[in-house]
N, C-alpha and C. Protein backbone atom coordinates (compact mmCIF):
# COMPACT_ATOMS: atom_id res chain seq x y z
N MET A 1 156.40 230.29 100.71
CA MET A 1 157.42 230.08 100.83
C MET A 1 158.25 228.95 99.83
N SER A 2 159.03 229.50 99.15
CA SER A 2 159.58 228.39 98.24
C SER A 2 160.61 227.95 98.60
N LYS A 3 161.00 226.99 97.72
CA LYS A 3 162.10 225.80 98.58
C LYS A 3 163.70 226.59 98.01
N ILE A 4 164.21 226.46 98.80
CA ILE A 4 165.84 226.78 98.50
C ILE A 4 166.65 226.03 97.77
N ASP A 5 167.67 226.26 96.68
CA ASP A 5 167.97 224.93 95.88
C ASP A 5 169.33 225.37 96.12
N ARG A 6 169.77 226.64 96.09
CA ARG A 6 171.08 226.84 95.96
C ARG A 6 171.58 228.11 97.46
N ILE A 7 172.82 228.06 98.14
CA ILE A 7 172.76 229.09 99.04
C ILE A 7 174.37 229.73 98.66
N LYS A 8 174.16 231.03 99.26
CA LYS A 8 175.88 231.67 98.80
C LYS A 8 176.58 231.89 100.12
N VAL A 9 177.52 231.87 100.31
CA VAL A 9 178.41 231.17 101.41
C VAL A 9 179.88 231.91 100.87
N TYR A 10 180.32 232.44 102.01
CA TYR A 10 181.65 233.06 101.39
C TYR A 10 182.77 232.52 102.05
N VAL A 11 183.79 232.10 101.28
CA VAL A 11 184.69 231.18 101.46
C VAL A 11 185.97 231.62 101.69
N SER A 12 185.86 232.87 101.61
CA SER A 12 187.61 233.51 101.64
C SER A 12 187.06 235.12 101.84
N VAL A 13 188.49 235.80 102.28
CA VAL A 13 188.29 237.06 102.68
C VAL A 13 189.80 237.48 101.84
N ASP A 14 189.77 238.62 101.29
CA ASP A 14 191.19 239.21 100.62
C ASP A 14 190.89 240.62 101.61
N GLU A 15 192.13 240.26 103.04
CA GLU A 15 191.65 241.24 103.71
C GLU A 15 192.43 242.86 103.05
N TYR A 16 193.71 242.46 101.83
CA TYR A 16 194.84 243.47 102.06
C TYR A 16 193.42 244.14 100.60
N ASN A 17 192.34 243.77 99.96
CA ASN A 17 191.75 244.63 99.01
C ASN A 17 190.31 244.42 99.53
N ASN A 18 190.14 244.19 100.88
CA ASN A 18 188.87 244.27 101.89
C ASN A 18 187.22 243.24 101.46
N VAL A 19 187.65 242.60 99.90
CA VAL A 19 186.64 241.66 99.61
C VAL A 19 186.48 240.33 100.23
N LYS A 20 185.25 240.38 99.91
CA LYS A 20 184.40 238.73 100.73
C LYS A 20 184.67 237.83 99.36
N ARG A 21 185.24 236.59 99.11
CA ARG A 21 184.75 235.68 98.24
C ARG A 21 183.94 235.39 98.03
N TYR A 22 182.84 234.96 97.25
CA TYR A 22 181.83 233.66 98.02
C TYR A 22 181.80 232.76 96.63
N GLN A 23 180.82 231.39 97.31
CA GLN A 23 180.15 230.56 96.14
C GLN A 23 179.42 230.35 96.22
N MET A 24 178.45 229.56 94.84
CA MET A 24 177.30 229.10 95.76
C MET A 24 177.00 227.49 95.55
N PHE A 25 176.65 227.26 96.25
CA PHE A 25 176.33 225.84 96.64
C PHE A 25 174.96 225.48 96.11
N ASP A 26 174.85 224.22 95.25
CA ASP A 26 173.78 223.44 95.07
C ASP A 26 173.59 222.77 96.11
N ILE A 27 172.17 223.03 97.12
CA ILE A 27 171.79 222.26 98.25
C ILE A 27 171.24 220.36 97.59
N GLU A 28 171.86 219.68 98.44
CA GLU A 28 171.29 218.70 97.55
C GLU A 28 171.16 217.12 99.11
N ASN A 29 170.41 216.31 98.68
CA ASN A 29 169.96 215.36 100.00
C ASN A 29 171.95 214.87 99.68
N GLU A 30 172.36 214.42 99.14
CA GLU A 30 173.66 213.77 99.51
C GLU A 30 174.61 213.85 98.38
N VAL A 31 175.91 213.93 98.75
CA VAL A 31 177.44 214.26 97.65
C VAL A 31 177.42 212.84 96.68
N PRO A 32 178.09 213.03 95.61
CA PRO A 32 178.45 211.71 95.26
C PRO A 32 179.85 211.17 95.96
N LYS A 33 180.08 210.42 95.45
CA LYS A 33 181.22 209.65 95.46
C LYS A 33 182.66 209.42 95.17
N ALA A 34 183.82 209.63 95.71
CA ALA A 34 185.03 209.22 94.27
C ALA A 34 184.31 207.72 93.40
N GLY A 35 184.35 208.13 92.08
CA GLY A 35 184.18 206.74 92.09
C GLY A 35 182.90 206.88 90.90
N ASP A 36 181.69 207.64 91.45
CA ASP A 36 180.46 207.52 90.95
C ASP A 36 180.49 207.96 89.36
N LYS A 37 179.87 207.24 89.00
CA LYS A 37 179.54 207.66 87.26
C LYS A 37 178.74 208.11 87.05
N ASP A 38 178.08 209.52 86.16
CA ASP A 38 176.84 209.70 85.47
C ASP A 38 176.53 208.82 84.49
N PRO A 39 175.40 208.43 84.31
CA PRO A 39 174.75 206.87 83.63
C PRO A 39 174.92 207.28 82.25
N THR A 40 174.53 208.77 82.18
CA THR A 40 174.29 209.52 80.45
C THR A 40 175.74 208.97 79.60
N ILE A 41 175.93 208.66 78.31
CA ILE A 41 176.54 208.63 77.77
C ILE A 41 177.65 210.06 77.27
N TYR A 42 177.34 210.67 78.04
CA TYR A 42 178.32 212.17 77.43
C TYR A 42 178.88 212.49 79.34
N GLY A 43 178.39 211.58 80.13
CA GLY A 43 178.23 212.04 81.40
C GLY A 43 180.01 212.05 82.07
N SER A 44 179.82 211.80 83.21
CA SER A 44 181.50 211.77 84.06
C SER A 44 181.73 211.07 84.77
N THR A 45 182.86 211.18 85.37
CA THR A 45 183.36 210.07 87.04
C THR A 45 183.73 210.93 87.37
N THR A 46 183.09 210.79 88.83
CA THR A 46 183.19 212.04 90.57
C THR A 46 185.24 211.30 90.60
N VAL A 47 186.26 212.10 90.65
CA VAL A 47 187.18 211.71 91.19
C VAL A 47 187.75 212.57 92.56
N ALA A 48 186.90 213.26 93.07
CA ALA A 48 187.28 213.56 94.31
C ALA A 48 186.40 214.39 94.80
N VAL A 49 185.78 214.23 96.13
CA VAL A 49 184.78 215.15 97.06
C VAL A 49 185.43 215.89 98.35
N THR A 50 185.49 216.84 98.20
CA THR A 50 186.85 217.97 99.30
C THR A 50 186.22 218.71 99.76
N PRO A 51 185.86 218.45 101.21
CA PRO A 51 184.72 219.30 102.13
C PRO A 51 185.64 220.88 101.85
N VAL A 52 184.47 222.04 102.19
CA VAL A 52 184.92 223.18 101.92
C VAL A 52 184.59 223.69 103.26
N ILE A 53 185.56 224.66 103.97
CA ILE A 53 185.06 225.01 105.24
C ILE A 53 184.97 226.50 104.91
N PRO A 54 183.09 227.31 105.27
CA PRO A 54 182.86 228.55 104.73
C PRO A 54 183.89 229.47 106.10
N ASP A 55 184.34 230.92 105.51
CA ASP A 55 184.62 232.09 106.44
C ASP A 55 183.55 232.05 107.10
N CYS A 56 184.40 232.66 108.38
CA CYS A 56 183.80 232.54 110.24
C CYS A 56 182.63 233.76 109.98
N GLU A 57 182.57 234.05 109.17
CA GLU A 57 182.18 235.57 108.91
C GLU A 57 180.74 235.56 107.83
N GLN A 58 179.54 235.08 108.03
CA GLN A 58 178.42 234.95 106.98
C GLN A 58 177.38 236.35 106.89
N GLY A 59 177.01 236.07 107.91
CA GLY A 59 175.87 237.14 107.76
C GLY A 59 174.88 236.55 107.45
N ASN A 60 174.57 235.23 107.54
CA ASN A 60 172.97 234.40 107.54
C ASN A 60 173.54 233.31 108.34
N PRO A 61 172.56 232.98 109.34
CA PRO A 61 172.40 231.96 109.75
C PRO A 61 172.20 230.54 109.66
N GLU A 62 171.52 230.58 108.26
CA GLU A 62 171.00 229.24 107.70
C GLU A 62 172.61 228.57 106.96
N VAL A 63 173.89 229.49 107.20
CA VAL A 63 175.45 228.79 106.56
C VAL A 63 175.39 227.65 107.63
N ASP A 64 174.89 227.82 108.90
CA ASP A 64 176.02 226.64 109.74
C ASP A 64 175.11 225.51 109.64
N ASP A 65 173.82 225.42 109.04
CA ASP A 65 172.92 224.24 108.94
C ASP A 65 173.67 223.48 107.80
N TYR A 66 174.44 223.74 107.14
CA TYR A 66 175.06 222.45 105.82
C TYR A 66 176.57 222.66 105.72
N ASP A 67 177.02 221.12 105.24
CA ASP A 67 178.35 220.99 105.11
C ASP A 67 178.68 221.31 104.00
N TYR A 68 179.87 221.49 103.08
CA TYR A 68 179.84 222.18 101.91
C TYR A 68 181.04 221.11 101.07
N TYR A 69 180.67 221.01 100.16
CA TYR A 69 181.56 220.26 99.03
C TYR A 69 182.30 220.79 97.82
N LYS A 70 183.55 220.64 98.22
CA LYS A 70 183.53 220.90 96.02
C LYS A 70 183.83 219.25 95.50
N VAL A 71 183.10 219.00 94.33
CA VAL A 71 182.80 217.82 94.04
C VAL A 71 183.85 218.14 92.32
N THR A 72 184.57 216.91 92.46
CA THR A 72 185.96 217.12 91.38
C THR A 72 185.54 215.73 90.10
N ARG A 73 185.21 216.63 89.22
CA ARG A 73 184.36 215.57 87.84
C ARG A 73 185.10 216.02 86.65
N ILE A 74 185.53 214.73 85.98
CA ILE A 74 186.41 214.06 84.73
C ILE A 74 185.27 213.99 83.96
N PRO A 75 185.09 214.11 82.44
CA PRO A 75 184.84 213.97 81.69
C PRO A 75 184.74 212.20 81.20
N ASN A 76 183.55 212.12 81.04
CA ASN A 76 183.75 210.19 80.47
C ASN A 76 184.84 209.75 79.41
N ILE A 77 184.44 211.17 78.42
CA ILE A 77 185.24 211.15 77.03
C ILE A 77 186.15 212.64 77.08
N VAL A 78 187.60 212.10 77.23
CA VAL A 78 188.24 213.40 77.29
C VAL A 78 189.21 213.45 76.07
N ASP A 79 189.67 214.56 75.94
CA ASP A 79 190.82 214.98 74.96
C ASP A 79 192.24 214.60 74.79
N GLU A 80 192.39 213.76 74.24
CA GLU A 80 193.44 212.73 74.81
C GLU A 80 194.72 214.49 74.60
N ASP A 81 194.40 215.25 73.70
CA ASP A 81 195.66 216.17 73.48
C ASP A 81 195.59 217.17 74.53
N GLU A 82 195.09 217.42 75.26
CA GLU A 82 194.67 218.04 76.28
C GLU A 82 195.06 217.89 78.08
N ASP A 83 195.85 218.62 78.49
CA ASP A 83 196.27 218.12 79.75
C ASP A 83 194.66 217.59 80.98
N ILE A 84 194.73 216.89 81.00
CA ILE A 84 193.61 215.48 82.01
C ILE A 84 192.94 216.92 83.28
N GLU A 85 194.06 217.47 83.75
CA GLU A 85 193.60 218.57 84.81
C GLU A 85 192.87 219.44 84.26
N ASP A 86 193.29 220.22 83.22
CA ASP A 86 192.47 221.09 82.25
C ASP A 86 191.10 220.54 81.91
N GLN A 87 190.65 219.90 81.64
CA GLN A 87 188.94 218.67 81.44
C GLN A 87 188.53 218.83 82.80
N TYR A 88 188.64 218.98 84.05
CA TYR A 88 188.35 218.92 85.25
C TYR A 88 187.07 219.32 85.26
N GLU A 89 185.80 218.55 85.78
CA GLU A 89 184.71 219.97 86.26
C GLU A 89 184.46 220.18 87.23
N TYR A 90 183.97 221.51 88.06
CA TYR A 90 184.09 221.04 89.68
C TYR A 90 182.78 221.68 89.82
N GLU A 91 181.68 221.47 90.27
CA GLU A 91 180.56 221.73 91.29
C GLU A 91 180.53 221.13 92.77
N TYR A 92 179.74 222.73 93.24
CA TYR A 92 179.43 222.82 95.00
C TYR A 92 178.62 222.83 94.92
N LYS A 93 178.78 221.78 96.17
CA LYS A 93 177.27 221.02 96.70
C LYS A 93 176.94 221.14 98.17
N ALA A 94 176.14 221.29 98.90
CA ALA A 94 175.38 221.61 100.25
C ALA A 94 174.53 220.52 100.90
N VAL A 95 175.14 220.20 102.07
CA VAL A 95 174.32 218.97 102.55
C VAL A 95 173.99 219.78 103.52
N LYS A 96 172.29 219.23 104.07
CA LYS A 96 171.90 219.77 105.48
C LYS A 96 172.39 219.16 106.57
N LYS A 97 172.44 219.44 107.37
CA LYS A 97 173.88 218.45 108.68
C LYS A 97 172.80 217.84 109.65
N ALA A 98 173.22 216.65 109.94
CA ALA A 98 172.68 215.33 110.65
C ALA A 98 172.78 215.45 111.83
N TYR A 99 172.03 216.26 112.69
CA TYR A 99 171.82 216.31 114.07
C TYR A 99 171.33 215.28 114.84
N GLU A 100 172.39 214.84 115.55
CA GLU A 100 171.19 214.07 116.68
C GLU A 100 170.94 214.32 118.11
């Protein structure tokens, strides 16, 4: 059996068009914290980590085993002529829930 490294999660429903919208999340051991820097010269800095709440109808019971986050990053080298928000990069991360 292969290790799952991504999970498909329904994050919203467009009831008017009867369409479920999904996002692929990378499964990680932890999420970065705001202010964390990528050590490479062309890396990025984490600006925000926002929880993502999955839609209640998933069809995949494994979805309940994870917490989901949208990670917002800004490149370390930015284009001064471009709006800063247009340069944001987004990553979607899933972290296994810790049950006590």
